[in-house]
Amino acid sequence: MTQRLRSRPQFQAVMAGAPVAKTPHFALHCVALEVPVEGKPLFPVADAWLGVLLPKRWARRAVTRNAIRRQIYEVARHRSAPLPQAAWVVRLRSEFSRKQFVSATSDALKLAVRLELEQLLSRARLPKAAVSGEARDVV
């Protein structure tokens, strides 16, 4: 089961590094779970952690952001190969054309998002620092 990122320090720790994978609309960030903060572990359970970052700049309508967020969690949950144990953030980095996808909940938009997410998560690999066991410091 995948845990969800909830706190600002968790998101900041994951977003501190460069993306590990990109598609036209999404970027995937990753960090190893050994990120310490003031003696308390940021990620108390050794599992895959997933967070979603959908700026209003790229998805103005809340219904669009919610539909994309649901697609991200569903694609991650139903993958044949689960995400490796690390903290992951899927970030929307460009807008889906409102001319092409008029309805925020259209099947066409959901399919486009799902296909791109599957492509993004198939590229999900731990960064070299996470594989070697190095931890990043959070400012």
N, C-alpha and C. Protein backbone atom coordinates (compact mmCIF):
# COMPACT_ATOMS: atom_id res chain seq x y z
N MET A 1 0.84 -1.18 0.00
CA MET A 1 0.00 0.00 0.00
C MET A 1 0.88 1.24 0.00
N THR A 2 0.51 2.21 -0.77
CA THR A 2 1.26 3.46 -0.87
C THR A 2 0.75 4.46 0.15
N GLN A 3 1.69 5.08 0.87
CA GLN A 3 1.36 6.12 1.84
C GLN A 3 1.25 7.45 1.09
N ARG A 4 0.52 8.39 1.65
CA ARG A 4 0.39 9.71 1.02
C ARG A 4 1.18 10.75 1.79
N LEU A 5 1.86 11.60 1.05
CA LEU A 5 2.55 12.73 1.67
C LEU A 5 1.51 13.71 2.18
N ARG A 6 1.72 14.22 3.38
CA ARG A 6 0.74 15.12 3.99
C ARG A 6 1.32 16.46 4.40
N SER A 7 2.56 16.46 4.89
CA SER A 7 3.09 17.68 5.50
C SER A 7 4.00 18.45 4.55
N ARG A 8 4.12 19.73 4.82
CA ARG A 8 4.97 20.61 4.03
C ARG A 8 6.42 20.14 4.04
N PRO A 9 7.01 19.75 5.20
CA PRO A 9 8.40 19.28 5.18
C PRO A 9 8.59 18.04 4.30
N GLN A 10 7.61 17.16 4.25
CA GLN A 10 7.71 15.99 3.38
C GLN A 10 7.81 16.42 1.92
N PHE A 11 6.91 17.32 1.51
CA PHE A 11 6.93 17.80 0.13
C PHE A 11 8.23 18.54 -0.17
N GLN A 12 8.69 19.37 0.77
CA GLN A 12 9.92 20.13 0.56
C GLN A 12 11.12 19.20 0.39
N ALA A 13 11.15 18.12 1.18
CA ALA A 13 12.26 17.17 1.08
C ALA A 13 12.29 16.51 -0.29
N VAL A 14 11.14 16.14 -0.80
CA VAL A 14 11.09 15.46 -2.10
C VAL A 14 11.37 16.44 -3.23
N MET A 15 10.85 17.65 -3.14
CA MET A 15 10.99 18.62 -4.22
C MET A 15 12.38 19.28 -4.25
N ALA A 16 13.23 19.01 -3.26
CA ALA A 16 14.55 19.63 -3.19
C ALA A 16 15.44 19.22 -4.36
N GLY A 17 15.22 18.04 -4.89
CA GLY A 17 16.06 17.57 -5.99
C GLY A 17 15.43 17.78 -7.34
N ALA A 18 16.20 17.51 -8.36
CA ALA A 18 15.72 17.61 -9.74
C ALA A 18 14.76 16.47 -10.04
N PRO A 19 13.89 16.65 -11.02
CA PRO A 19 12.98 15.57 -11.40
C PRO A 19 13.75 14.34 -11.90
N VAL A 20 13.22 13.16 -11.59
CA VAL A 20 13.84 11.92 -12.06
C VAL A 20 13.22 11.46 -13.38
N ALA A 21 12.04 11.99 -13.71
CA ALA A 21 11.38 11.65 -14.98
C ALA A 21 10.44 12.79 -15.35
N LYS A 22 10.25 12.97 -16.67
CA LYS A 22 9.36 14.02 -17.16
C LYS A 22 8.56 13.50 -18.34
N THR A 23 7.36 14.05 -18.48
CA THR A 23 6.53 13.88 -19.66
C THR A 23 6.10 15.30 -20.05
N PRO A 24 5.37 15.46 -21.15
CA PRO A 24 4.98 16.83 -21.54
C PRO A 24 4.22 17.61 -20.47
N HIS A 25 3.41 16.93 -19.64
CA HIS A 25 2.62 17.65 -18.64
C HIS A 25 3.02 17.39 -17.19
N PHE A 26 3.82 16.38 -16.94
CA PHE A 26 4.14 16.00 -15.56
C PHE A 26 5.64 15.88 -15.34
N ALA A 27 6.04 16.05 -14.08
CA ALA A 27 7.41 15.79 -13.64
C ALA A 27 7.32 14.91 -12.39
N LEU A 28 8.26 14.00 -12.24
CA LEU A 28 8.28 13.08 -11.11
C LEU A 28 9.54 13.35 -10.30
N HIS A 29 9.35 13.65 -9.02
CA HIS A 29 10.46 13.90 -8.10
C HIS A 29 10.55 12.73 -7.12
N CYS A 30 11.76 12.48 -6.63
CA CYS A 30 11.95 11.34 -5.72
C CYS A 30 13.05 11.66 -4.72
N VAL A 31 12.93 11.09 -3.52
CA VAL A 31 13.99 11.18 -2.51
C VAL A 31 13.95 9.88 -1.69
N ALA A 32 15.11 9.49 -1.19
CA ALA A 32 15.20 8.31 -0.33
C ALA A 32 14.48 8.59 0.99
N LEU A 33 14.09 7.55 1.68
CA LEU A 33 13.30 7.71 2.91
C LEU A 33 14.13 8.10 4.14
N GLU A 34 15.42 8.12 4.05
CA GLU A 34 16.26 8.40 5.22
C GLU A 34 16.44 9.88 5.50
N VAL A 35 15.53 10.73 5.11
CA VAL A 35 15.69 12.18 5.30
C VAL A 35 15.33 12.53 6.75
N PRO A 36 16.33 12.88 7.59
CA PRO A 36 16.04 13.21 8.99
C PRO A 36 15.66 14.68 9.18
N VAL A 37 14.74 14.93 10.09
CA VAL A 37 14.38 16.30 10.45
C VAL A 37 14.22 16.34 11.97
N GLU A 38 15.16 17.02 12.62
CA GLU A 38 15.12 17.24 14.07
C GLU A 38 14.83 15.96 14.86
N GLY A 39 15.47 14.86 14.48
CA GLY A 39 15.34 13.62 15.22
C GLY A 39 14.10 12.80 14.89
N LYS A 40 13.06 13.41 14.32
CA LYS A 40 11.86 12.67 13.96
C LYS A 40 11.94 12.30 12.48
N PRO A 41 11.63 11.07 12.13
CA PRO A 41 11.66 10.71 10.72
C PRO A 41 10.51 11.36 9.96
N LEU A 42 10.82 11.89 8.78
CA LEU A 42 9.77 12.47 7.94
C LEU A 42 8.83 11.39 7.42
N PHE A 43 9.39 10.22 7.15
CA PHE A 43 8.62 9.11 6.59
C PHE A 43 8.73 7.93 7.55
N PRO A 44 7.81 7.85 8.53
CA PRO A 44 7.94 6.87 9.60
C PRO A 44 7.75 5.42 9.15
N VAL A 45 7.12 5.18 8.02
CA VAL A 45 6.87 3.82 7.55
C VAL A 45 7.73 3.57 6.33
N ALA A 46 8.42 2.43 6.31
CA ALA A 46 9.24 2.07 5.15
C ALA A 46 8.32 1.54 4.06
N ASP A 47 7.88 2.43 3.21
CA ASP A 47 6.93 2.11 2.15
C ASP A 47 7.11 3.14 1.04
N ALA A 48 6.38 2.99 -0.03
CA ALA A 48 6.37 4.03 -1.06
C ALA A 48 5.43 5.14 -0.60
N TRP A 49 5.89 6.37 -0.70
CA TRP A 49 5.11 7.54 -0.33
C TRP A 49 4.84 8.34 -1.60
N LEU A 50 3.61 8.80 -1.77
CA LEU A 50 3.24 9.52 -2.99
C LEU A 50 2.53 10.82 -2.64
N GLY A 51 2.95 11.88 -3.30
CA GLY A 51 2.30 13.17 -3.14
C GLY A 51 1.99 13.75 -4.51
N VAL A 52 1.04 14.66 -4.55
CA VAL A 52 0.61 15.27 -5.80
C VAL A 52 0.67 16.79 -5.65
N LEU A 53 1.25 17.44 -6.64
CA LEU A 53 1.37 18.90 -6.64
C LEU A 53 0.75 19.41 -7.94
N LEU A 54 -0.42 20.05 -7.81
CA LEU A 54 -1.16 20.55 -8.97
C LEU A 54 -1.39 22.05 -8.82
N PRO A 55 -0.50 22.88 -9.34
CA PRO A 55 -0.65 24.33 -9.20
C PRO A 55 -1.87 24.87 -9.93
N LYS A 56 -2.50 25.87 -9.35
CA LYS A 56 -3.64 26.52 -10.00
C LYS A 56 -3.22 27.17 -11.32
N ARG A 57 -1.97 27.49 -11.41
CA ARG A 57 -1.45 28.10 -12.63
C ARG A 57 -1.70 27.20 -13.85
N TRP A 58 -1.60 25.87 -13.66
CA TRP A 58 -1.73 24.94 -14.78
C TRP A 58 -3.08 24.25 -14.83
N ALA A 59 -3.85 24.28 -13.77
CA ALA A 59 -5.20 23.70 -13.76
C ALA A 59 -6.07 24.64 -12.93
N ARG A 60 -6.67 25.59 -13.59
CA ARG A 60 -7.39 26.66 -12.90
C ARG A 60 -8.63 26.18 -12.16
N ARG A 61 -9.35 25.26 -12.75
CA ARG A 61 -10.61 24.81 -12.13
C ARG A 61 -10.35 23.70 -11.12
N ALA A 62 -10.99 23.80 -9.98
CA ALA A 62 -10.82 22.79 -8.93
C ALA A 62 -11.26 21.42 -9.40
N VAL A 63 -12.29 21.36 -10.21
CA VAL A 63 -12.77 20.08 -10.70
C VAL A 63 -11.70 19.40 -11.57
N THR A 64 -10.94 20.18 -12.31
CA THR A 64 -9.85 19.63 -13.12
C THR A 64 -8.74 19.11 -12.23
N ARG A 65 -8.36 19.90 -11.23
CA ARG A 65 -7.30 19.46 -10.30
C ARG A 65 -7.70 18.18 -9.57
N ASN A 66 -8.93 18.13 -9.12
CA ASN A 66 -9.40 16.93 -8.41
C ASN A 66 -9.43 15.71 -9.31
N ALA A 67 -9.86 15.88 -10.56
CA ALA A 67 -9.91 14.75 -11.50
C ALA A 67 -8.50 14.23 -11.79
N ILE A 68 -7.55 15.15 -11.98
CA ILE A 68 -6.17 14.74 -12.23
C ILE A 68 -5.59 14.06 -11.00
N ARG A 69 -5.85 14.62 -9.82
CA ARG A 69 -5.35 14.03 -8.57
C ARG A 69 -5.86 12.59 -8.39
N ARG A 70 -7.14 12.39 -8.65
CA ARG A 70 -7.70 11.03 -8.55
C ARG A 70 -7.04 10.08 -9.54
N GLN A 71 -6.79 10.57 -10.75
CA GLN A 71 -6.13 9.73 -11.76
C GLN A 71 -4.72 9.34 -11.31
N ILE A 72 -3.99 10.27 -10.72
CA ILE A 72 -2.63 9.98 -10.27
C ILE A 72 -2.63 8.88 -9.22
N TYR A 73 -3.48 9.02 -8.22
CA TYR A 73 -3.52 8.00 -7.16
C TYR A 73 -4.01 6.65 -7.69
N GLU A 74 -4.95 6.65 -8.60
CA GLU A 74 -5.46 5.39 -9.16
C GLU A 74 -4.41 4.69 -10.02
N VAL A 75 -3.72 5.46 -10.86
CA VAL A 75 -2.68 4.85 -11.70
C VAL A 75 -1.59 4.26 -10.82
N ALA A 76 -1.17 4.97 -9.79
CA ALA A 76 -0.13 4.47 -8.89
C ALA A 76 -0.60 3.22 -8.15
N ARG A 77 -1.86 3.18 -7.78
CA ARG A 77 -2.39 2.05 -7.01
C ARG A 77 -2.54 0.80 -7.88
N HIS A 78 -2.89 0.96 -9.13
CA HIS A 78 -3.18 -0.19 -9.99
C HIS A 78 -2.01 -0.59 -10.89
N ARG A 79 -0.83 -0.08 -10.61
CA ARG A 79 0.35 -0.48 -11.40
C ARG A 79 0.67 -1.94 -11.16
N SER A 80 1.19 -2.59 -12.20
CA SER A 80 1.58 -4.00 -12.05
C SER A 80 2.81 -4.12 -11.15
N ALA A 81 3.75 -3.18 -11.29
CA ALA A 81 4.93 -3.15 -10.42
C ALA A 81 4.80 -1.95 -9.48
N PRO A 82 4.71 -2.19 -8.18
CA PRO A 82 4.55 -1.06 -7.25
C PRO A 82 5.76 -0.13 -7.28
N LEU A 83 5.55 1.10 -6.86
CA LEU A 83 6.64 2.07 -6.77
C LEU A 83 7.68 1.58 -5.77
N PRO A 84 8.96 1.80 -6.05
CA PRO A 84 9.99 1.43 -5.07
C PRO A 84 9.84 2.23 -3.78
N GLN A 85 10.40 1.70 -2.70
CA GLN A 85 10.31 2.37 -1.41
C GLN A 85 11.12 3.66 -1.45
N ALA A 86 10.40 4.76 -1.56
CA ALA A 86 10.97 6.10 -1.58
C ALA A 86 9.80 7.05 -1.49
N ALA A 87 10.09 8.33 -1.43
CA ALA A 87 9.04 9.34 -1.44
C ALA A 87 8.99 9.94 -2.84
N TRP A 88 7.80 9.98 -3.42
CA TRP A 88 7.59 10.44 -4.80
C TRP A 88 6.59 11.58 -4.82
N VAL A 89 6.82 12.56 -5.69
CA VAL A 89 5.85 13.63 -5.92
C VAL A 89 5.65 13.74 -7.43
N VAL A 90 4.38 13.68 -7.83
CA VAL A 90 4.01 13.93 -9.22
C VAL A 90 3.56 15.38 -9.30
N ARG A 91 4.24 16.16 -10.15
CA ARG A 91 3.97 17.59 -10.27
C ARG A 91 3.47 17.91 -11.68
N LEU A 92 2.35 18.61 -11.74
CA LEU A 92 1.85 19.10 -13.02
C LEU A 92 2.71 20.27 -13.44
N ARG A 93 3.29 20.21 -14.65
CA ARG A 93 4.21 21.26 -15.07
C ARG A 93 3.76 22.04 -16.28
N SER A 94 2.63 21.66 -16.87
CA SER A 94 2.05 22.46 -17.95
C SER A 94 0.56 22.15 -18.05
N GLU A 95 -0.15 23.04 -18.69
CA GLU A 95 -1.61 22.98 -18.77
C GLU A 95 -2.07 22.02 -19.86
N PHE A 96 -3.14 21.29 -19.57
CA PHE A 96 -3.84 20.53 -20.61
C PHE A 96 -4.72 21.53 -21.35
N SER A 97 -4.65 21.55 -22.65
CA SER A 97 -5.34 22.54 -23.46
C SER A 97 -6.85 22.53 -23.20
N ARG A 98 -7.38 23.69 -22.82
CA ARG A 98 -8.82 23.79 -22.57
C ARG A 98 -9.59 23.79 -23.88
N LYS A 99 -8.91 24.08 -24.99
CA LYS A 99 -9.57 23.99 -26.30
C LYS A 99 -9.76 22.54 -26.71
N GLN A 100 -8.76 21.71 -26.41
CA GLN A 100 -8.85 20.29 -26.76
C GLN A 100 -9.72 19.54 -25.76
N PHE A 101 -9.60 19.85 -24.48
CA PHE A 101 -10.36 19.18 -23.42
C PHE A 101 -11.29 20.21 -22.79
N VAL A 102 -12.45 20.40 -23.37
CA VAL A 102 -13.38 21.44 -22.93
C VAL A 102 -13.92 21.12 -21.54
N SER A 103 -14.31 19.87 -21.32
CA SER A 103 -14.86 19.47 -20.04
C SER A 103 -13.74 18.98 -19.13
N ALA A 104 -13.78 19.42 -17.88
CA ALA A 104 -12.76 19.02 -16.92
C ALA A 104 -12.86 17.56 -16.53
N THR A 105 -14.03 16.97 -16.72
CA THR A 105 -14.22 15.57 -16.34
C THR A 105 -14.49 14.69 -17.55
N SER A 106 -14.06 15.13 -18.73
CA SER A 106 -14.31 14.35 -19.94
C SER A 106 -13.49 13.06 -19.94
N ASP A 107 -14.03 12.06 -20.59
CA ASP A 107 -13.31 10.79 -20.71
C ASP A 107 -12.01 10.98 -21.49
N ALA A 108 -12.01 11.89 -22.46
CA ALA A 108 -10.81 12.15 -23.25
C ALA A 108 -9.68 12.69 -22.37
N LEU A 109 -10.01 13.62 -21.48
CA LEU A 109 -8.99 14.17 -20.57
C LEU A 109 -8.50 13.09 -19.62
N LYS A 110 -9.41 12.33 -19.06
CA LYS A 110 -9.01 11.26 -18.13
C LYS A 110 -8.09 10.25 -18.80
N LEU A 111 -8.41 9.90 -20.05
CA LEU A 111 -7.58 8.94 -20.78
C LEU A 111 -6.20 9.53 -21.08
N ALA A 112 -6.16 10.78 -21.50
CA ALA A 112 -4.88 11.43 -21.79
C ALA A 112 -4.01 11.51 -20.53
N VAL A 113 -4.62 11.88 -19.41
CA VAL A 113 -3.89 11.96 -18.15
C VAL A 113 -3.39 10.59 -17.74
N ARG A 114 -4.25 9.58 -17.83
CA ARG A 114 -3.88 8.22 -17.42
C ARG A 114 -2.72 7.68 -18.26
N LEU A 115 -2.78 7.88 -19.58
CA LEU A 115 -1.72 7.38 -20.45
C LEU A 115 -0.38 8.06 -20.15
N GLU A 116 -0.44 9.36 -19.94
CA GLU A 116 0.79 10.08 -19.64
C GLU A 116 1.35 9.69 -18.27
N LEU A 117 0.48 9.46 -17.31
CA LEU A 117 0.94 9.04 -15.98
C LEU A 117 1.56 7.66 -16.02
N GLU A 118 0.96 6.75 -16.79
CA GLU A 118 1.54 5.41 -16.91
C GLU A 118 2.93 5.49 -17.53
N GLN A 119 3.08 6.36 -18.51
CA GLN A 119 4.38 6.57 -19.14
C GLN A 119 5.38 7.15 -18.12
N LEU A 120 4.93 8.12 -17.35
CA LEU A 120 5.79 8.76 -16.35
C LEU A 120 6.22 7.76 -15.27
N LEU A 121 5.27 7.01 -14.72
CA LEU A 121 5.59 6.08 -13.64
C LEU A 121 6.38 4.88 -14.13
N SER A 122 6.27 4.54 -15.42
CA SER A 122 7.10 3.45 -15.94
C SER A 122 8.57 3.86 -15.97
N ARG A 123 8.83 5.16 -16.02
CA ARG A 123 10.20 5.68 -15.99
C ARG A 123 10.70 5.88 -14.56
N ALA A 124 9.87 5.61 -13.58
CA ALA A 124 10.21 5.86 -12.17
C ALA A 124 11.39 5.00 -11.74
N ARG A 125 12.49 5.66 -11.51
CA ARG A 125 13.68 5.00 -11.01
C ARG A 125 14.22 5.84 -9.87
N LEU A 126 14.79 5.15 -8.90
CA LEU A 126 15.38 5.87 -7.78
C LEU A 126 16.60 6.64 -8.27
N PRO A 127 16.77 7.87 -7.80
CA PRO A 127 17.97 8.61 -8.17
C PRO A 127 19.21 7.93 -7.58
N LYS A 128 20.38 8.23 -8.14
CA LYS A 128 21.61 7.57 -7.70
C LYS A 128 21.88 7.78 -6.22
N ALA A 129 21.56 8.95 -5.69
CA ALA A 129 21.77 9.22 -4.26
C ALA A 129 20.91 8.31 -3.40
N ALA A 130 19.69 8.01 -3.85
CA ALA A 130 18.80 7.14 -3.08
C ALA A 130 19.27 5.70 -3.14
N VAL A 131 19.81 5.29 -4.28
CA VAL A 131 20.28 3.92 -4.42
C VAL A 131 21.51 3.68 -3.56
N SER A 132 22.42 4.66 -3.49
CA SER A 132 23.64 4.50 -2.73
C SER A 132 23.43 4.72 -1.23
N GLY A 133 22.23 5.17 -0.83
CA GLY A 133 21.91 5.33 0.57
C GLY A 133 22.21 6.70 1.13
N GLU A 134 22.61 7.65 0.27
CA GLU A 134 22.88 9.00 0.75
C GLU A 134 21.58 9.71 1.04
N ALA A 135 21.55 10.50 2.08
CA ALA A 135 20.35 11.29 2.42
C ALA A 135 20.61 12.76 2.11
N ARG A 136 19.56 13.45 1.71
CA ARG A 136 19.67 14.89 1.44
C ARG A 136 19.26 15.66 2.68
N ASP A 137 19.95 16.77 2.91
CA ASP A 137 19.58 17.63 4.01
C ASP A 137 18.52 18.61 3.56
N VAL A 138 17.56 18.86 4.44
CA VAL A 138 16.48 19.78 4.13
C VAL A 138 16.74 21.09 4.86
N VAL A 139 16.63 22.19 4.17
CA VAL A 139 16.88 23.50 4.77
C VAL A 139 15.61 24.00 5.41
